[in-house]
Amino acid sequence: MEITDENKNEIKEQINTDINNILEKHELPYRMDGLSVMKTSKGTSFLGNVRVHDPNKVKAVRAEIESYLDKFGKVVINSRDVVPCCELPYTYITFHIHF
């Protein structure tokens, strides 16, 4: 799929809005600010991440995000637990969509 600048911005906005809706649905305080776009000779990739501070909601949120993103193309999702010194622990979920 060829990505133009116009539909790139539409896709970014749509993904950002929909993932924030998923986070809101699960009553999580963190919101995703935006996505990074990486354009290469092999295609266009969208990169994003979210924080989930409630360990009881990580699996459900990750599954819902993965299910949602599957419709866009090849998706890679990773997560890791983070224990910062001055903040509550959270799970960091990253995703990479390649068109």
PDB file of N, CA and C in Angstrom:
ATOM      1  N   MET A   1       0.846  -1.185   0.000  1.00  0.00           N
ATOM      2  CA  MET A   1       0.000   0.000   0.000  1.00  0.00           C
ATOM      3  C   MET A   1       0.883   1.237   0.000  1.00  0.00           C
ATOM      4  N   GLU A   2       0.631   2.128  -0.944  1.00  0.00           N
ATOM      5  CA  GLU A   2       1.399   3.369  -1.034  1.00  0.00           C
ATOM      6  C   GLU A   2       0.783   4.407  -0.098  1.00  0.00           C
ATOM      7  N   ILE A   3       1.625   5.025   0.705  1.00  0.00           N
ATOM      8  CA  ILE A   3       1.167   6.019   1.674  1.00  0.00           C
ATOM      9  C   ILE A   3       1.550   7.408   1.174  1.00  0.00           C
ATOM     10  N   THR A   4       0.549   8.262   0.999  1.00  0.00           N
ATOM     11  CA  THR A   4       0.814   9.653   0.627  1.00  0.00           C
ATOM     12  C   THR A   4       0.891  10.483   1.902  1.00  0.00           C
ATOM     13  N   ASP A   5       1.391  11.709   1.773  1.00  0.00           N
ATOM     14  CA  ASP A   5       1.467  12.583   2.947  1.00  0.00           C
ATOM     15  C   ASP A   5       0.088  12.852   3.534  1.00  0.00           C
ATOM     16  N   GLU A   6      -0.908  12.983   2.658  1.00  0.00           N
ATOM     17  CA  GLU A   6      -2.261  13.261   3.133  1.00  0.00           C
ATOM     18  C   GLU A   6      -2.837  12.089   3.926  1.00  0.00           C
ATOM     19  N   ASN A   7      -2.762  10.873   3.344  1.00  0.00           N
ATOM     20  CA  ASN A   7      -3.345   9.765   4.093  1.00  0.00           C
ATOM     21  C   ASN A   7      -2.450   9.324   5.253  1.00  0.00           C
ATOM     22  N   LYS A   8      -1.165   9.674   5.216  1.00  0.00           N
ATOM     23  CA  LYS A   8      -0.281   9.399   6.352  1.00  0.00           C
ATOM     24  C   LYS A   8      -0.782  10.146   7.582  1.00  0.00           C
ATOM     25  N   ASN A   9      -1.130  11.416   7.405  1.00  0.00           N
ATOM     26  CA  ASN A   9      -1.639  12.206   8.524  1.00  0.00           C
ATOM     27  C   ASN A   9      -3.002  11.711   8.997  1.00  0.00           C
ATOM     28  N   GLU A  10      -3.843  11.285   8.061  1.00  0.00           N
ATOM     29  CA  GLU A  10      -5.147  10.727   8.429  1.00  0.00           C
ATOM     30  C   GLU A  10      -4.974   9.447   9.237  1.00  0.00           C
ATOM     31  N   ILE A  11      -4.068   8.580   8.800  1.00  0.00           N
ATOM     32  CA  ILE A  11      -3.810   7.325   9.508  1.00  0.00           C
ATOM     33  C   ILE A  11      -3.263   7.605  10.906  1.00  0.00           C
ATOM     34  N   LYS A  12      -2.301   8.537  11.001  1.00  0.00           N
ATOM     35  CA  LYS A  12      -1.735   8.893  12.312  1.00  0.00           C
ATOM     36  C   LYS A  12      -2.824   9.369  13.264  1.00  0.00           C
ATOM     37  N   GLU A  13      -3.674  10.263  12.785  1.00  0.00           N
ATOM     38  CA  GLU A  13      -4.747  10.808  13.617  1.00  0.00           C
ATOM     39  C   GLU A  13      -5.721   9.725  14.055  1.00  0.00           C
ATOM     40  N   GLN A  14      -6.091   8.865  13.104  1.00  0.00           N
ATOM     41  CA  GLN A  14      -7.060   7.807  13.397  1.00  0.00           C
ATOM     42  C   GLN A  14      -6.516   6.828  14.428  1.00  0.00           C
ATOM     43  N   ILE A  15      -5.273   6.390  14.247  1.00  0.00           N
ATOM     44  CA  ILE A  15      -4.670   5.444  15.194  1.00  0.00           C
ATOM     45  C   ILE A  15      -4.540   6.093  16.569  1.00  0.00           C
ATOM     46  N   ASN A  16      -4.075   7.322  16.614  1.00  0.00           N
ATOM     47  CA  ASN A  16      -3.899   8.019  17.882  1.00  0.00           C
ATOM     48  C   ASN A  16      -5.237   8.136  18.627  1.00  0.00           C
ATOM     49  N   THR A  17      -6.265   8.562  17.921  1.00  0.00           N
ATOM     50  CA  THR A  17      -7.592   8.715  18.528  1.00  0.00           C
ATOM     51  C   THR A  17      -8.135   7.377  19.020  1.00  0.00           C
ATOM     52  N   ASP A  18      -8.037   6.346  18.191  1.00  0.00           N
ATOM     53  CA  ASP A  18      -8.604   5.046  18.547  1.00  0.00           C
ATOM     54  C   ASP A  18      -7.867   4.384  19.707  1.00  0.00           C
ATOM     55  N   ILE A  19      -6.550   4.517  19.746  1.00  0.00           N
ATOM     56  CA  ILE A  19      -5.809   3.936  20.868  1.00  0.00           C
ATOM     57  C   ILE A  19      -6.109   4.703  22.150  1.00  0.00           C
ATOM     58  N   ASN A  20      -6.223   6.010  22.065  1.00  0.00           N
ATOM     59  CA  ASN A  20      -6.605   6.778  23.257  1.00  0.00           C
ATOM     60  C   ASN A  20      -8.008   6.407  23.727  1.00  0.00           C
ATOM     61  N   ASN A  21      -8.893   6.071  22.808  1.00  0.00           N
ATOM     62  CA  ASN A  21     -10.228   5.599  23.186  1.00  0.00           C
ATOM     63  C   ASN A  21     -10.153   4.252  23.913  1.00  0.00           C
ATOM     64  N   ILE A  22      -9.256   3.388  23.463  1.00  0.00           N
ATOM     65  CA  ILE A  22      -9.046   2.098  24.144  1.00  0.00           C
ATOM     66  C   ILE A  22      -8.552   2.340  25.568  1.00  0.00           C
ATOM     67  N   LEU A  23      -7.578   3.239  25.719  1.00  0.00           N
ATOM     68  CA  LEU A  23      -7.046   3.543  27.051  1.00  0.00           C
ATOM     69  C   LEU A  23      -8.133   4.138  27.947  1.00  0.00           C
ATOM     70  N   GLU A  24      -8.942   5.010  27.377  1.00  0.00           N
ATOM     71  CA  GLU A  24     -10.023   5.633  28.145  1.00  0.00           C
ATOM     72  C   GLU A  24     -11.069   4.592  28.556  1.00  0.00           C
ATOM     73  N   LYS A  25     -11.381   3.685  27.646  1.00  0.00           N
ATOM     74  CA  LYS A  25     -12.351   2.624  27.926  1.00  0.00           C
ATOM     75  C   LYS A  25     -11.917   1.782  29.129  1.00  0.00           C
ATOM     76  N   HIS A  26     -10.617   1.578  29.252  1.00  0.00           N
ATOM     77  CA  HIS A  26     -10.071   0.791  30.366  1.00  0.00           C
ATOM     78  C   HIS A  26      -9.752   1.664  31.586  1.00  0.00           C
ATOM     79  N   GLU A  27     -10.198   2.924  31.539  1.00  0.00           N
ATOM     80  CA  GLU A  27     -10.034   3.870  32.639  1.00  0.00           C
ATOM     81  C   GLU A  27      -8.572   4.061  33.049  1.00  0.00           C
ATOM     82  N   LEU A  28      -7.714   4.219  32.043  1.00  0.00           N
ATOM     83  CA  LEU A  28      -6.289   4.460  32.273  1.00  0.00           C
ATOM     84  C   LEU A  28      -5.988   5.942  32.074  1.00  0.00           C
ATOM     85  N   PRO A  29      -5.182   6.533  32.940  1.00  0.00           N
ATOM     86  CA  PRO A  29      -4.944   7.983  32.879  1.00  0.00           C
ATOM     87  C   PRO A  29      -4.002   8.422  31.754  1.00  0.00           C
ATOM     88  N   TYR A  30      -3.095   7.563  31.327  1.00  0.00           N
ATOM     89  CA  TYR A  30      -2.101   7.949  30.328  1.00  0.00           C
ATOM     90  C   TYR A  30      -2.735   7.987  28.938  1.00  0.00           C
ATOM     91  N   ARG A  31      -2.355   8.945  28.121  1.00  0.00           N
ATOM     92  CA  ARG A  31      -2.811   9.040  26.730  1.00  0.00           C
ATOM     93  C   ARG A  31      -1.598   9.092  25.810  1.00  0.00           C
ATOM     94  N   MET A  32      -1.772   8.552  24.627  1.00  0.00           N
ATOM     95  CA  MET A  32      -0.711   8.572  23.629  1.00  0.00           C
ATOM     96  C   MET A  32      -0.720   9.937  22.955  1.00  0.00           C
ATOM     97  N   ASP A  33       0.448  10.590  22.899  1.00  0.00           N
ATOM     98  CA  ASP A  33       0.542  11.923  22.300  1.00  0.00           C
ATOM     99  C   ASP A  33       0.510  11.876  20.783  1.00  0.00           C
ATOM    100  N   GLY A  34       1.110  10.878  20.204  1.00  0.00           N
ATOM    101  CA  GLY A  34       1.176  10.801  18.755  1.00  0.00           C
ATOM    102  C   GLY A  34       2.013   9.626  18.312  1.00  0.00           C
ATOM    103  N   LEU A  35       2.184   9.521  17.024  1.00  0.00           N
ATOM    104  CA  LEU A  35       2.967   8.442  16.423  1.00  0.00           C
ATOM    105  C   LEU A  35       4.155   9.029  15.682  1.00  0.00           C
ATOM    106  N   SER A  36       5.200   8.241  15.586  1.00  0.00           N
ATOM    107  CA  SER A  36       6.332   8.610  14.737  1.00  0.00           C
ATOM    108  C   SER A  36       6.166   7.881  13.413  1.00  0.00           C
ATOM    109  N   VAL A  37       6.573   8.521  12.333  1.00  0.00           N
ATOM    110  CA  VAL A  37       6.480   7.919  11.009  1.00  0.00           C
ATOM    111  C   VAL A  37       7.881   7.799  10.449  1.00  0.00           C
ATOM    112  N   MET A  38       8.179   6.622   9.930  1.00  0.00           N
ATOM    113  CA  MET A  38       9.485   6.363   9.353  1.00  0.00           C
ATOM    114  C   MET A  38       9.258   5.889   7.913  1.00  0.00           C
ATOM    115  N   LYS A  39       9.776   6.639   6.964  1.00  0.00           N
ATOM    116  CA  LYS A  39       9.607   6.285   5.555  1.00  0.00           C
ATOM    117  C   LYS A  39      10.945   5.781   5.018  1.00  0.00           C
ATOM    118  N   THR A  40      10.930   4.595   4.433  1.00  0.00           N
ATOM    119  CA  THR A  40      12.128   4.005   3.847  1.00  0.00           C
ATOM    120  C   THR A  40      11.823   3.581   2.417  1.00  0.00           C
ATOM    121  N   SER A  41      12.822   3.074   1.738  1.00  0.00           N
ATOM    122  CA  SER A  41      12.614   2.607   0.371  1.00  0.00           C
ATOM    123  C   SER A  41      11.700   1.382   0.338  1.00  0.00           C
ATOM    124  N   LYS A  42      11.572   0.679   1.458  1.00  0.00           N
ATOM    125  CA  LYS A  42      10.733  -0.521   1.516  1.00  0.00           C
ATOM    126  C   LYS A  42       9.305  -0.228   1.956  1.00  0.00           C
ATOM    127  N   GLY A  43       9.012   0.999   2.336  1.00  0.00           N
ATOM    128  CA  GLY A  43       7.656   1.329   2.745  1.00  0.00           C
ATOM    129  C   GLY A  43       7.634   2.343   3.873  1.00  0.00           C
ATOM    130  N   THR A  44       6.478   2.447   4.494  1.00  0.00           N
ATOM    131  CA  THR A  44       6.271   3.399   5.577  1.00  0.00           C
ATOM    132  C   THR A  44       5.924   2.641   6.844  1.00  0.00           C
ATOM    133  N   SER A  45       6.501   3.071   7.957  1.00  0.00           N
ATOM    134  CA  SER A  45       6.215   2.462   9.251  1.00  0.00           C
ATOM    135  C   SER A  45       5.714   3.518  10.225  1.00  0.00           C
ATOM    136  N   PHE A  46       4.813   3.106  11.087  1.00  0.00           N
ATOM    137  CA  PHE A  46       4.299   3.953  12.155  1.00  0.00           C
ATOM    138  C   PHE A  46       4.735   3.338  13.474  1.00  0.00           C
ATOM    139  N   LEU A  47       5.294   4.154  14.363  1.00  0.00           N
ATOM    140  CA  LEU A  47       5.791   3.681  15.648  1.00  0.00           C
ATOM    141  C   LEU A  47       5.067   4.427  16.766  1.00  0.00           C
ATOM    142  N   GLY A  48       4.668   3.693  17.786  1.00  0.00           N
ATOM    143  CA  GLY A  48       3.991   4.329  18.901  1.00  0.00           C
ATOM    144  C   GLY A  48       4.181   3.551  20.182  1.00  0.00           C
ATOM    145  N   ASN A  49       3.780   4.149  21.292  1.00  0.00           N
ATOM    146  CA  ASN A  49       3.892   3.475  22.586  1.00  0.00           C
ATOM    147  C   ASN A  49       2.856   4.023  23.548  1.00  0.00           C
ATOM    148  N   VAL A  50       2.506   3.190  24.505  1.00  0.00           N
ATOM    149  CA  VAL A  50       1.577   3.589  25.562  1.00  0.00           C
ATOM    150  C   VAL A  50       2.077   3.025  26.891  1.00  0.00           C
ATOM    151  N   ARG A  51       1.641   3.664  27.962  1.00  0.00           N
ATOM    152  CA  ARG A  51       1.942   3.195  29.315  1.00  0.00           C
ATOM    153  C   ARG A  51       0.658   2.669  29.946  1.00  0.00           C
ATOM    154  N   VAL A  52       0.785   1.532  30.615  1.00  0.00           N
ATOM    155  CA  VAL A  52      -0.341   0.981  31.354  1.00  0.00           C
ATOM    156  C   VAL A  52       0.117   0.829  32.792  1.00  0.00           C
ATOM    157  N   HIS A  53      -0.447   1.636  33.685  1.00  0.00           N
ATOM    158  CA  HIS A  53      -0.027   1.644  35.082  1.00  0.00           C
ATOM    159  C   HIS A  53      -0.743   0.596  35.930  1.00  0.00           C
ATOM    160  N   ASP A  54      -1.794  -0.015  35.407  1.00  0.00           N
ATOM    161  CA  ASP A  54      -2.534  -1.033  36.153  1.00  0.00           C
ATOM    162  C   ASP A  54      -2.153  -2.418  35.628  1.00  0.00           C
ATOM    163  N   PRO A  55      -1.406  -3.208  36.412  1.00  0.00           N
ATOM    164  CA  PRO A  55      -0.965  -4.527  35.933  1.00  0.00           C
ATOM    165  C   PRO A  55      -2.121  -5.479  35.627  1.00  0.00           C
ATOM    166  N   ASN A  56      -3.273  -5.253  36.223  1.00  0.00           N
ATOM    167  CA  ASN A  56      -4.431  -6.114  35.980  1.00  0.00           C
ATOM    168  C   ASN A  56      -5.085  -5.851  34.620  1.00  0.00           C
ATOM    169  N   LYS A  57      -4.705  -4.762  33.976  1.00  0.00           N
ATOM    170  CA  LYS A  57      -5.320  -4.396  32.696  1.00  0.00           C
ATOM    171  C   LYS A  57      -4.382  -4.558  31.502  1.00  0.00           C
ATOM    172  N   VAL A  58      -3.131  -4.919  31.752  1.00  0.00           N
ATOM    173  CA  VAL A  58      -2.130  -4.979  30.676  1.00  0.00           C
ATOM    174  C   VAL A  58      -2.534  -5.950  29.569  1.00  0.00           C
ATOM    175  N   LYS A  59      -2.899  -7.173  29.926  1.00  0.00           N
ATOM    176  CA  LYS A  59      -3.231  -8.176  28.901  1.00  0.00           C
ATOM    177  C   LYS A  59      -4.425  -7.744  28.053  1.00  0.00           C
ATOM    178  N   ALA A  60      -5.451  -7.224  28.689  1.00  0.00           N
ATOM    179  CA  ALA A  60      -6.651  -6.811  27.948  1.00  0.00           C
ATOM    180  C   ALA A  60      -6.355  -5.635  27.028  1.00  0.00           C
ATOM    181  N   VAL A  61      -5.605  -4.653  27.523  1.00  0.00           N
ATOM    182  CA  VAL A  61      -5.273  -3.480  26.715  1.00  0.00           C
ATOM    183  C   VAL A  61      -4.390  -3.883  25.540  1.00  0.00           C
ATOM    184  N   ARG A  62      -3.367  -4.682  25.816  1.00  0.00           N
ATOM    185  CA  ARG A  62      -2.467  -5.121  24.744  1.00  0.00           C
ATOM    186  C   ARG A  62      -3.234  -5.911  23.677  1.00  0.00           C
ATOM    187  N   ALA A  63      -4.096  -6.825  24.088  1.00  0.00           N
ATOM    188  CA  ALA A  63      -4.867  -7.629  23.132  1.00  0.00           C
ATOM    189  C   ALA A  63      -5.782  -6.747  22.285  1.00  0.00           C
ATOM    190  N   GLU A  64      -6.413  -5.770  22.911  1.00  0.00           N
ATOM    191  CA  GLU A  64      -7.314  -4.891  22.163  1.00  0.00           C
ATOM    192  C   GLU A  64      -6.544  -4.008  21.178  1.00  0.00           C
ATOM    193  N   ILE A  65      -5.405  -3.495  21.598  1.00  0.00           N
ATOM    194  CA  ILE A  65      -4.578  -2.686  20.702  1.00  0.00           C
ATOM    195  C   ILE A  65      -4.080  -3.543  19.533  1.00  0.00           C
ATOM    196  N   GLU A  66      -3.616  -4.743  19.826  1.00  0.00           N
ATOM    197  CA  GLU A  66      -3.116  -5.626  18.775  1.00  0.00           C
ATOM    198  C   GLU A  66      -4.218  -5.975  17.778  1.00  0.00           C
ATOM    199  N   SER A  67      -5.390  -6.296  18.275  1.00  0.00           N
ATOM    200  CA  SER A  67      -6.524  -6.624  17.408  1.00  0.00           C
ATOM    201  C   SER A  67      -6.885  -5.433  16.521  1.00  0.00           C
ATOM    202  N   TYR A  68      -6.868  -4.242  17.092  1.00  0.00           N
ATOM    203  CA  TYR A  68      -7.187  -3.034  16.335  1.00  0.00           C
ATOM    204  C   TYR A  68      -6.138  -2.766  15.249  1.00  0.00           C
ATOM    205  N   LEU A  69      -4.854  -2.882  15.598  1.00  0.00           N
ATOM    206  CA  LEU A  69      -3.788  -2.531  14.658  1.00  0.00           C
ATOM    207  C   LEU A  69      -3.601  -3.547  13.540  1.00  0.00           C
ATOM    208  N   ASP A  70      -4.048  -4.772  13.730  1.00  0.00           N
ATOM    209  CA  ASP A  70      -3.883  -5.816  12.715  1.00  0.00           C
ATOM    210  C   ASP A  70      -4.484  -5.426  11.369  1.00  0.00           C
ATOM    211  N   LYS A  71      -5.488  -4.577  11.371  1.00  0.00           N
ATOM    212  CA  LYS A  71      -6.146  -4.206  10.114  1.00  0.00           C
ATOM    213  C   LYS A  71      -5.299  -3.256   9.262  1.00  0.00           C
ATOM    214  N   PHE A  72      -4.238  -2.687   9.835  1.00  0.00           N
ATOM    215  CA  PHE A  72      -3.427  -1.716   9.106  1.00  0.00           C
ATOM    216  C   PHE A  72      -2.271  -2.327   8.333  1.00  0.00           C
ATOM    217  N   GLY A  73      -1.828  -3.492   8.708  1.00  0.00           N
ATOM    218  CA  GLY A  73      -0.683  -4.099   8.040  1.00  0.00           C
ATOM    219  C   GLY A  73       0.078  -4.990   8.994  1.00  0.00           C
ATOM    220  N   LYS A  74       1.339  -5.205   8.691  1.00  0.00           N
ATOM    221  CA  LYS A  74       2.182  -6.048   9.541  1.00  0.00           C
ATOM    222  C   LYS A  74       2.462  -5.299  10.848  1.00  0.00           C
ATOM    223  N   VAL A  75       2.116  -5.927  11.966  1.00  0.00           N
ATOM    224  CA  VAL A  75       2.242  -5.283  13.274  1.00  0.00           C
ATOM    225  C   VAL A  75       3.178  -6.080  14.169  1.00  0.00           C
ATOM    226  N   VAL A  76       4.058  -5.369  14.853  1.00  0.00           N
ATOM    227  CA  VAL A  76       4.902  -5.963  15.877  1.00  0.00           C
ATOM    228  C   VAL A  76       4.611  -5.209  17.174  1.00  0.00           C
ATOM    229  N   ILE A  77       4.252  -5.961  18.212  1.00  0.00           N
ATOM    230  CA  ILE A  77       3.957  -5.347  19.512  1.00  0.00           C
ATOM    231  C   ILE A  77       4.862  -5.985  20.558  1.00  0.00           C
ATOM    232  N   ASN A  78       5.466  -5.137  21.371  1.00  0.00           N
ATOM    233  CA  ASN A  78       6.312  -5.598  22.476  1.00  0.00           C
ATOM    234  C   ASN A  78       5.867  -4.893  23.747  1.00  0.00           C
ATOM    235  N   SER A  79       6.180  -5.502  24.868  1.00  0.00           N
ATOM    236  CA  SER A  79       5.904  -4.838  26.133  1.00  0.00           C
ATOM    237  C   SER A  79       6.992  -5.200  27.132  1.00  0.00           C
ATOM    238  N   ARG A  80       7.202  -4.287  28.057  1.00  0.00           N
ATOM    239  CA  ARG A  80       8.175  -4.536  29.119  1.00  0.00           C
ATOM    240  C   ARG A  80       7.745  -3.779  30.359  1.00  0.00           C
ATOM    241  N   ASP A  81       8.109  -4.346  31.493  1.00  0.00           N
ATOM    242  CA  ASP A  81       7.795  -3.706  32.761  1.00  0.00           C
ATOM    243  C   ASP A  81       8.870  -2.695  33.098  1.00  0.00           C
ATOM    244  N   VAL A  82       8.445  -1.535  33.572  1.00  0.00           N
ATOM    245  CA  VAL A  82       9.353  -0.452  33.915  1.00  0.00           C
ATOM    246  C   VAL A  82       9.112  -0.072  35.379  1.00  0.00           C
ATOM    247  N   VAL A  83      10.214   0.032  36.120  1.00  0.00           N
ATOM    248  CA  VAL A  83      10.137   0.449  37.522  1.00  0.00           C
ATOM    249  C   VAL A  83      11.030   1.679  37.681  1.00  0.00           C
ATOM    250  N   PRO A  84      10.471   2.869  37.462  1.00  0.00           N
ATOM    251  CA  PRO A  84      11.262   4.095  37.593  1.00  0.00           C
ATOM    252  C   PRO A  84      11.494   4.447  39.063  1.00  0.00           C
ATOM    253  N   CYS A  85      12.458   5.272  39.300  1.00  0.00           N
ATOM    254  CA  CYS A  85      12.791   5.645  40.679  1.00  0.00           C
ATOM    255  C   CYS A  85      11.774   6.583  41.313  1.00  0.00           C
ATOM    256  N   CYS A  86      11.154   7.439  40.524  1.00  0.00           N
ATOM    257  CA  CYS A  86      10.325   8.513  41.092  1.00  0.00           C
ATOM    258  C   CYS A  86       8.868   8.467  40.631  1.00  0.00           C
ATOM    259  N   GLU A  87       8.407   7.315  40.225  1.00  0.00           N
ATOM    260  CA  GLU A  87       7.069   7.204  39.661  1.00  0.00           C
ATOM    261  C   GLU A  87       6.563   5.782  39.909  1.00  0.00           C
ATOM    262  N   LEU A  88       5.264   5.576  39.773  1.00  0.00           N
ATOM    263  CA  LEU A  88       4.714   4.236  39.921  1.00  0.00           C
ATOM    264  C   LEU A  88       5.171   3.333  38.777  1.00  0.00           C
ATOM    265  N   PRO A  89       5.344   2.049  39.037  1.00  0.00           N
ATOM    266  CA  PRO A  89       5.725   1.114  37.964  1.00  0.00           C
ATOM    267  C   PRO A  89       4.625   1.034  36.901  1.00  0.00           C
ATOM    268  N   TYR A  90       5.037   0.700  35.686  1.00  0.00           N
ATOM    269  CA  TYR A  90       4.077   0.565  34.599  1.00  0.00           C
ATOM    270  C   TYR A  90       4.610  -0.419  33.576  1.00  0.00           C
ATOM    271  N   THR A  91       3.728  -0.824  32.673  1.00  0.00           N
ATOM    272  CA  THR A  91       4.121  -1.652  31.537  1.00  0.00           C
ATOM    273  C   THR A  91       4.120  -0.750  30.316  1.00  0.00           C
ATOM    274  N   TYR A  92       5.209  -0.811  29.583  1.00  0.00           N
ATOM    275  CA  TYR A  92       5.432   0.016  28.397  1.00  0.00           C
ATOM    276  C   TYR A  92       5.132  -0.855  27.184  1.00  0.00           C
ATOM    277  N   ILE A  93       4.081  -0.528  26.440  1.00  0.00           N
ATOM    278  CA  ILE A  93       3.697  -1.293  25.251  1.00  0.00           C
ATOM    279  C   ILE A  93       4.095  -0.485  24.025  1.00  0.00           C
ATOM    280  N   THR A  94       4.916  -1.066  23.181  1.00  0.00           N
ATOM    281  CA  THR A  94       5.346  -0.397  21.957  1.00  0.00           C
ATOM    282  C   THR A  94       4.772  -1.151  20.752  1.00  0.00           C
ATOM    283  N   PHE A  95       4.541  -0.424  19.682  1.00  0.00           N
ATOM    284  CA  PHE A  95       4.081  -1.080  18.468  1.00  0.00           C
ATOM    285  C   PHE A  95       4.715  -0.447  17.238  1.00  0.00           C
ATOM    286  N   HIS A  96       4.795  -1.258  16.209  1.00  0.00           N
ATOM    287  CA  HIS A  96       5.420  -0.891  14.940  1.00  0.00           C
ATOM    288  C   HIS A  96       4.523  -1.468  13.845  1.00  0.00           C
ATOM    289  N   ILE A  97       3.957  -0.600  13.036  1.00  0.00           N
ATOM    290  CA  ILE A  97       3.096  -1.032  11.925  1.00  0.00           C
ATOM    291  C   ILE A  97       3.834  -0.747  10.629  1.00  0.00           C
ATOM    292  N   HIS A  98       3.981  -1.751   9.803  1.00  0.00           N
ATOM    293  CA  HIS A  98       4.683  -1.548   8.532  1.00  0.00           C
ATOM    294  C   HIS A  98       3.689  -1.716   7.389  1.00  0.00           C
ATOM    295  N   PHE A  99       3.638  -0.700   6.529  1.00  0.00           N
ATOM    296  CA  PHE A  99       2.790  -0.741   5.340  1.00  0.00           C
ATOM    297  C   PHE A  99       3.619  -1.148   4.144  1.00  0.00           C
TER     298      PHE A  99
END
